[in-house]
N, C-alpha and C. Protein backbone atom coordinates (compact mmCIF):
# COMPACT_ATOMS: atom_id res chain seq x y z
N UNK A 1 0.86 -1.15 0.13
CA UNK A 1 0.08 0.16 0.07
C UNK A 1 0.88 1.24 0.02
N UNK A 2 0.92 2.44 -1.04
CA UNK A 2 1.75 3.27 -1.48
C UNK A 2 1.01 4.57 -0.78
N UNK A 3 -0.19 4.29 -0.16
CA UNK A 3 -0.77 5.45 0.44
C UNK A 3 -0.14 6.48 1.33
N UNK A 4 -0.06 5.47 2.44
CA UNK A 4 0.77 6.30 3.41
C UNK A 4 2.37 7.15 3.12
N UNK A 5 2.80 6.30 2.61
CA UNK A 5 4.07 6.99 1.98
C UNK A 5 3.98 7.98 0.94
N UNK A 6 3.05 7.89 0.30
CA UNK A 6 2.68 9.14 -0.57
C UNK A 6 2.24 10.42 -0.03
N UNK A 7 1.64 10.05 1.22
CA UNK A 7 1.41 10.83 2.25
C UNK A 7 2.52 11.72 2.94
N UNK A 8 2.99 11.03 3.34
CA UNK A 8 4.13 10.96 4.28
C UNK A 8 5.16 12.01 3.37
N UNK A 9 5.65 11.60 2.16
CA UNK A 9 6.43 12.16 1.64
C UNK A 9 5.93 13.63 1.09
N UNK A 10 4.65 13.65 0.70
CA UNK A 10 3.72 14.92 0.19
C UNK A 10 4.10 15.81 1.27
N UNK A 11 4.09 15.24 2.60
CA UNK A 11 4.01 16.31 3.76
C UNK A 11 5.69 16.82 3.89
N UNK A 12 6.68 16.34 3.49
CA UNK A 12 8.09 16.54 3.98
C UNK A 12 8.33 17.37 2.50
N UNK A 13 7.75 17.25 1.29
CA UNK A 13 8.10 17.78 0.27
C UNK A 13 7.09 19.25 0.02
N UNK A 14 6.31 19.47 1.34
CA UNK A 14 5.25 20.80 0.92
C UNK A 14 4.57 20.64 0.16
N UNK A 15 4.13 19.43 -0.27
CA UNK A 15 3.14 19.38 -1.40
C UNK A 15 1.35 19.65 -0.71
N UNK A 16 1.33 19.23 0.42
CA UNK A 16 -0.06 19.12 0.74
C UNK A 16 -0.32 19.94 1.78
N UNK A 17 -1.45 20.06 1.74
CA UNK A 17 -2.06 21.00 3.33
C UNK A 17 -1.82 19.77 4.04
N UNK A 18 -1.88 20.38 5.42
CA UNK A 18 -1.95 19.40 6.31
C UNK A 18 -2.87 18.51 6.13
N UNK A 19 -2.87 17.07 6.52
CA UNK A 19 -3.82 15.97 6.49
C UNK A 19 -4.66 16.21 7.73
N UNK A 20 -5.99 15.93 7.56
CA UNK A 20 -7.16 16.01 8.53
C UNK A 20 -6.85 14.55 9.24
N UNK A 21 -7.12 14.40 10.34
CA UNK A 21 -7.15 12.88 11.19
C UNK A 21 -7.92 11.97 10.61
N UNK A 22 -9.25 12.69 9.64
CA UNK A 22 -9.99 11.31 9.25
C UNK A 22 -9.13 11.31 8.01
N UNK A 23 -8.24 12.17 7.19
CA UNK A 23 -7.79 11.49 6.03
C UNK A 23 -6.43 10.52 6.70
N UNK A 24 -5.85 10.99 7.49
CA UNK A 24 -5.02 10.04 7.94
C UNK A 24 -5.11 8.62 8.26
N UNK A 25 -6.81 8.80 9.20
CA UNK A 25 -7.31 7.49 9.68
C UNK A 25 -7.66 6.43 8.57
N UNK A 26 -8.20 7.37 7.37
CA UNK A 26 -9.01 6.54 6.63
C UNK A 26 -7.66 5.86 5.70
N UNK A 27 -6.72 6.49 5.41
CA UNK A 27 -5.37 5.51 4.71
C UNK A 27 -4.90 4.51 5.41
N UNK A 28 -4.74 4.92 7.20
CA UNK A 28 -4.39 3.88 7.82
C UNK A 28 -5.51 2.42 7.39
N UNK A 29 -6.86 2.79 7.54
CA UNK A 29 -7.72 1.72 7.85
C UNK A 29 -7.61 1.09 6.50
N UNK A 30 -7.63 1.66 4.94
CA UNK A 30 -7.58 0.91 3.72
C UNK A 30 -5.96 0.02 3.83
N UNK A 31 -4.70 0.44 4.52
CA UNK A 31 -3.55 0.03 4.57
C UNK A 31 -4.08 -1.20 5.07
N UNK A 32 -4.49 -1.12 6.45
CA UNK A 32 -4.86 -2.40 7.26
C UNK A 32 -5.76 -3.40 6.92
N UNK A 33 -6.99 -2.90 5.95
CA UNK A 33 -7.85 -3.58 5.34
C UNK A 33 -6.86 -4.54 4.29
N UNK A 34 -5.94 -3.91 3.23
CA UNK A 34 -5.17 -4.61 2.39
C UNK A 34 -4.13 -5.47 2.99
N UNK A 35 -3.53 -5.50 4.25
CA UNK A 35 -2.67 -6.24 5.05
C UNK A 35 -3.60 -7.06 5.48
N UNK A 36 -4.89 -7.13 5.69
CA UNK A 36 -5.76 -8.67 6.29
C UNK A 36 -6.13 -8.97 5.57
N UNK A 37 -6.40 -8.56 4.20
CA UNK A 37 -6.79 -9.21 2.84
C UNK A 37 -5.60 -10.36 2.47
N UNK A 38 -4.84 -9.74 2.76
CA UNK A 38 -3.59 -10.19 2.20
C UNK A 38 -3.30 -11.72 3.36
N UNK A 39 -3.23 -11.29 4.60
CA UNK A 39 -2.63 -12.17 5.63
C UNK A 39 -3.75 -13.50 5.49
N UNK A 40 -4.98 -13.45 4.97
CA UNK A 40 -5.67 -14.93 4.55
C UNK A 40 -5.09 -15.40 3.89
N UNK A 41 -4.28 -15.23 2.69
CA UNK A 41 -3.62 -16.33 2.02
C UNK A 41 -2.26 -16.62 2.40
N UNK A 42 -1.67 -15.58 3.56
CA UNK A 42 -0.29 -16.25 4.40
C UNK A 42 -0.79 -17.43 5.20
N UNK A 43 -1.75 -17.22 5.63
CA UNK A 43 -2.13 -18.42 6.57
C UNK A 43 -2.23 -19.77 5.84
N UNK A 44 -2.63 -20.00 4.58
CA UNK A 44 -2.97 -21.14 3.93
C UNK A 44 -1.62 -21.46 3.05
N UNK A 45 -0.83 -20.76 2.66
CA UNK A 45 0.24 -20.63 1.82
C UNK A 45 1.78 -20.96 2.76
N UNK A 46 1.93 -20.31 3.68
CA UNK A 46 3.05 -19.81 4.63
C UNK A 46 4.39 -19.63 4.14
N UNK A 47 4.01 -18.68 3.23
CA UNK A 47 5.19 -17.78 2.32
C UNK A 47 6.60 -17.51 3.40
N UNK A 48 7.53 -17.65 2.58
CA UNK A 48 8.63 -17.08 3.40
C UNK A 48 9.13 -16.09 2.57
N UNK A 49 9.46 -15.27 3.07
CA UNK A 49 9.73 -13.61 2.30
C UNK A 49 10.96 -13.29 2.73
N UNK A 50 12.30 -13.41 1.76
CA UNK A 50 13.59 -13.18 1.96
C UNK A 50 13.79 -11.58 2.38
N UNK A 51 14.56 -11.15 3.41
CA UNK A 51 15.02 -9.91 3.85
C UNK A 51 15.33 -9.09 2.64
N UNK A 52 16.02 -9.66 1.70
CA UNK A 52 16.32 -8.57 0.65
C UNK A 52 15.24 -8.05 -0.49
N UNK A 53 14.35 -9.26 -0.59
CA UNK A 53 13.10 -8.90 -1.45
C UNK A 53 12.24 -7.79 -0.85
N UNK A 54 12.14 -8.17 0.75
CA UNK A 54 11.53 -7.10 1.48
C UNK A 54 11.61 -5.92 1.36
N UNK A 55 13.42 -5.85 1.12
CA UNK A 55 13.82 -4.46 1.25
C UNK A 55 13.64 -3.61 -0.41
N UNK A 56 13.67 -4.58 -1.24
CA UNK A 56 13.26 -3.98 -2.47
C UNK A 56 12.00 -3.61 -2.80
N UNK A 57 11.10 -4.30 -2.15
CA UNK A 57 9.81 -4.23 -2.21
C UNK A 57 9.17 -2.57 -1.73
N UNK A 58 9.90 -2.55 -0.54
CA UNK A 58 9.85 -1.26 0.35
C UNK A 58 10.39 0.06 -0.43
N UNK A 59 11.65 -0.41 -0.91
CA UNK A 59 12.44 0.95 -1.82
C UNK A 59 11.35 0.91 -2.91
N UNK A 60 10.89 0.28 -3.62
CA UNK A 60 9.80 0.47 -4.63
C UNK A 60 8.75 1.14 -4.29
N UNK A 61 8.34 0.94 -3.17
CA UNK A 61 7.09 1.50 -2.51
C UNK A 61 7.34 3.26 -2.75
N UNK A 62 8.46 3.40 -1.80
CA UNK A 62 8.53 4.70 -1.50
C UNK A 62 9.00 5.53 -2.87
N UNK A 63 9.77 4.60 -3.92
CA UNK A 63 10.11 5.20 -4.92
C UNK A 63 8.54 5.62 -5.94
N UNK A 64 7.99 4.66 -5.76
CA UNK A 64 6.72 4.91 -6.66
C UNK A 64 5.94 6.20 -5.81
N UNK A 65 6.22 6.33 -4.42
CA UNK A 65 5.42 7.44 -3.99
C UNK A 65 5.98 8.91 -4.04
N UNK A 66 7.17 9.07 -4.66
CA UNK A 66 7.90 10.05 -5.08
C UNK A 66 7.31 10.56 -6.26
N UNK A 67 7.06 9.86 -7.04
CA UNK A 67 6.87 10.27 -8.25
C UNK A 67 5.42 11.36 -8.46
N UNK A 68 4.48 10.82 -7.98
CA UNK A 68 3.15 11.67 -7.81
C UNK A 68 3.47 12.78 -7.39
N UNK A 69 4.50 13.05 -6.14
CA UNK A 69 4.85 14.29 -5.49
C UNK A 69 5.65 15.23 -6.11
N UNK A 70 6.75 14.73 -7.01
CA UNK A 70 7.76 15.52 -7.74
C UNK A 70 6.92 15.71 -8.93
N UNK A 71 5.93 15.47 -9.55
CA UNK A 71 5.08 15.96 -10.74
C UNK A 71 3.91 16.94 -10.14
N UNK A 72 3.36 16.91 -8.74
CA UNK A 72 2.71 17.70 -8.25
C UNK A 72 3.53 19.16 -8.21
N UNK A 73 4.87 18.89 -7.46
CA UNK A 73 5.92 19.95 -7.41
C UNK A 73 6.21 20.59 -8.80
N UNK A 74 6.20 19.95 -9.66
CA UNK A 74 6.17 20.61 -11.25
C UNK A 74 5.23 21.36 -11.60
N UNK A 75 4.14 20.81 -10.91
CA UNK A 75 2.76 21.47 -11.54
C UNK A 75 2.52 22.77 -11.10
N UNK A 76 3.28 23.11 -10.05
CA UNK A 76 2.98 24.33 -9.05
C UNK A 76 4.32 25.16 -9.28
N UNK A 77 5.21 24.81 -9.58
CA UNK A 77 6.52 25.41 -9.30
C UNK A 77 6.82 26.06 -10.78
N UNK A 78 6.77 25.30 -11.90
CA UNK A 78 6.63 25.54 -13.20
C UNK A 78 5.40 25.70 -13.96
N UNK A 79 4.14 25.75 -13.15
CA UNK A 79 2.99 26.44 -13.87
C UNK A 79 2.59 25.35 -15.37
N UNK A 80 3.15 24.16 -15.23
CA UNK A 80 3.16 23.28 -16.37
C UNK A 80 1.90 22.63 -16.34
N UNK A 81 1.79 22.42 -17.60
CA UNK A 81 0.11 21.44 -18.09
C UNK A 81 0.56 19.99 -17.13
N UNK A 82 -0.45 19.13 -17.51
CA UNK A 82 -0.30 18.02 -17.05
C UNK A 82 0.19 17.00 -18.35
N UNK A 83 -0.14 17.66 -19.08
CA UNK A 83 0.42 16.90 -20.67
C UNK A 83 1.80 17.33 -20.45
N UNK A 84 2.40 18.30 -20.63
CA UNK A 84 3.86 18.41 -20.36
C UNK A 84 4.63 17.82 -19.04
N UNK A 85 3.78 17.80 -18.18
CA UNK A 85 4.83 16.79 -16.89
C UNK A 85 4.82 15.40 -17.53
N UNK A 86 3.72 14.70 -18.00
CA UNK A 86 3.89 13.36 -18.33
C UNK A 86 4.65 13.33 -19.55
N UNK A 87 4.72 14.05 -20.42
CA UNK A 87 5.69 13.83 -21.60
C UNK A 87 7.22 14.03 -21.17
N UNK A 88 7.46 14.91 -20.56
CA UNK A 88 8.88 14.78 -20.09
C UNK A 88 9.14 13.89 -18.89
N UNK A 89 8.47 13.49 -18.11
CA UNK A 89 8.57 12.28 -17.38
C UNK A 89 8.67 10.74 -18.03
N UNK A 90 7.89 10.68 -19.02
CA UNK A 90 8.25 9.35 -19.76
C UNK A 90 9.22 9.84 -20.77
N UNK A 91 9.64 10.70 -21.15
CA UNK A 91 11.18 11.00 -21.96
C UNK A 91 12.21 10.55 -21.14
N UNK A 92 12.17 11.47 -19.64
CA UNK A 92 13.22 10.92 -18.86
C UNK A 92 13.28 9.47 -18.20
N UNK A 93 12.15 9.12 -18.12
CA UNK A 93 12.05 7.36 -17.88
C UNK A 93 12.61 6.60 -18.89
N UNK A 94 12.15 6.89 -20.54
CA UNK A 94 12.73 5.98 -21.48
C UNK A 94 14.10 6.35 -21.62
N UNK A 95 14.89 7.50 -21.26
CA UNK A 95 16.37 7.68 -21.26
C UNK A 95 16.87 6.57 -20.08
N UNK A 96 16.33 6.80 -18.90
CA UNK A 96 16.97 6.12 -17.98
C UNK A 96 17.11 4.59 -18.09
N UNK A 97 15.75 3.90 -18.53
CA UNK A 97 15.16 2.52 -18.69
C UNK A 97 16.34 2.17 -19.71
N UNK A 98 16.75 2.83 -20.75
CA UNK A 98 17.43 2.45 -21.96
C UNK A 98 18.74 2.45 -21.54
N UNK A 99 19.14 3.25 -20.98
CA UNK A 99 20.75 3.27 -20.40
C UNK A 99 20.94 2.31 -19.74
N UNK A 100 19.81 1.87 -18.66
CA UNK A 100 19.78 0.80 -17.77
C UNK A 100 20.38 -0.55 -18.19
N UNK A 101 19.04 -0.75 -19.52
CA UNK A 101 19.37 -1.81 -20.25
C UNK A 101 20.44 -2.10 -21.24
N UNK A 102 21.04 -1.22 -21.46
CA UNK A 102 22.27 -0.93 -21.96
C UNK A 102 23.29 -1.45 -21.13
N UNK A 103 23.60 -0.88 -20.17
CA UNK A 103 24.72 -1.25 -19.06
C UNK A 103 24.43 -2.62 -18.52
N UNK A 104 23.32 -2.98 -18.42
CA UNK A 104 22.74 -4.52 -17.90
C UNK A 104 23.25 -5.62 -19.32
N UNK A 105 23.35 -5.12 -20.49
CA UNK A 105 23.36 -5.94 -21.70
C UNK A 105 22.07 -6.71 -21.91
N UNK A 106 20.90 -6.38 -21.25
CA UNK A 106 19.67 -6.63 -22.08
C UNK A 106 19.28 -6.23 -23.17
N UNK A 107 19.67 -4.81 -23.50
CA UNK A 107 19.21 -4.16 -24.69
C UNK A 107 19.87 -4.60 -25.91
N UNK A 108 21.21 -5.06 -25.75
CA UNK A 108 22.03 -6.00 -26.85
C UNK A 108 21.31 -7.44 -26.88
N UNK A 109 20.88 -7.73 -25.72
CA UNK A 109 20.23 -8.67 -25.92
C UNK A 109 18.84 -9.12 -26.74
N UNK A 110 18.20 -7.75 -26.38
CA UNK A 110 17.01 -7.66 -27.31
C UNK A 110 17.33 -7.59 -28.69
N UNK A 111 18.03 -6.67 -29.14
CA UNK A 111 18.73 -6.78 -30.32
C UNK A 111 19.07 -7.77 -31.21
N UNK A 112 19.67 -8.60 -30.56
CA UNK A 112 20.38 -9.87 -30.87
C UNK A 112 19.05 -10.95 -31.50
N UNK A 113 18.22 -11.20 -30.29
CA UNK A 113 16.98 -11.55 -30.40
C UNK A 113 16.02 -11.21 -31.36
N UNK A 114 15.75 -9.96 -31.69
CA UNK A 114 14.91 -9.35 -32.51
C UNK A 114 15.71 -9.87 -34.23
N UNK A 115 17.25 -9.57 -34.21
CA UNK A 115 17.70 -9.89 -35.50
C UNK A 115 17.67 -11.34 -35.82
N UNK A 116 17.73 -12.01 -34.61
CA UNK A 116 18.00 -13.43 -34.81
C UNK A 116 16.60 -14.20 -35.45
N UNK A 117 15.55 -13.61 -34.81
CA UNK A 117 13.91 -13.71 -34.86
C UNK A 117 13.83 -13.45 -36.66
N UNK A 118 14.36 -12.31 -36.98
CA UNK A 118 14.07 -11.95 -38.28
C UNK A 118 14.60 -12.64 -39.06
N UNK A 119 15.70 -13.24 -38.90
CA UNK A 119 16.26 -13.93 -39.87
C UNK A 119 15.86 -15.59 -40.10
N UNK A 120 15.20 -15.94 -38.94
CA UNK A 120 14.72 -17.61 -38.88
C UNK A 120 13.24 -17.38 -39.64
N UNK A 121 12.72 -16.08 -39.55
CA UNK A 121 11.13 -15.94 -39.97
C UNK A 121 11.48 -16.08 -41.74
N UNK A 122 12.47 -15.25 -42.01
CA UNK A 122 12.98 -15.28 -43.50
C UNK A 122 13.14 -16.84 -43.99
N UNK A 123 14.07 -17.36 -43.34
CA UNK A 123 14.44 -18.51 -43.50
C UNK A 123 13.07 -20.00 -43.71
N UNK A 124 12.16 -19.48 -43.11
CA UNK A 124 10.98 -20.40 -43.10
C UNK A 124 10.27 -20.27 -44.56
N UNK A 125 10.22 -18.81 -44.46
CA UNK A 125 9.31 -18.75 -46.03
C UNK A 125 10.21 -18.73 -47.13
C-alpha cells in the first residue's frame, strides 16, 4: 500500500496541506484492510519472504510514492500542464531505462533476439 508513504512524502516535500485526522485514519484503515486481506492467503500458503526482497519492495513503494509528489511540485513550480509533465516524465524514464538496459546487456540481448528471430522467419518462407 503506497498510500501512507505518498502522504508522508507529500508532507515533507511541502506538497500537501495538513492532512486531517480523518484522512490519516482513512489511509491507515485502507492499508490495514489490504494487509488483513493478504494475511488470509498467508495462513494457507505459509510464504517465506527473503529480507532482501522485502527491502526491494519497500524501496519500490517509496520510489513510487515520490513520483506523484515530484509531478505535483512541477505543476506548482513551473505552472506546467499535465501533458507537459507526463511527456517529460516519460522521456526521462525512456532515457534512464534505455541506459539501464544497455549497461546490463539486456538491450543488446533484445537486439540479437530480434535480428535472430527476423532471420529465422525469413528462412521459413
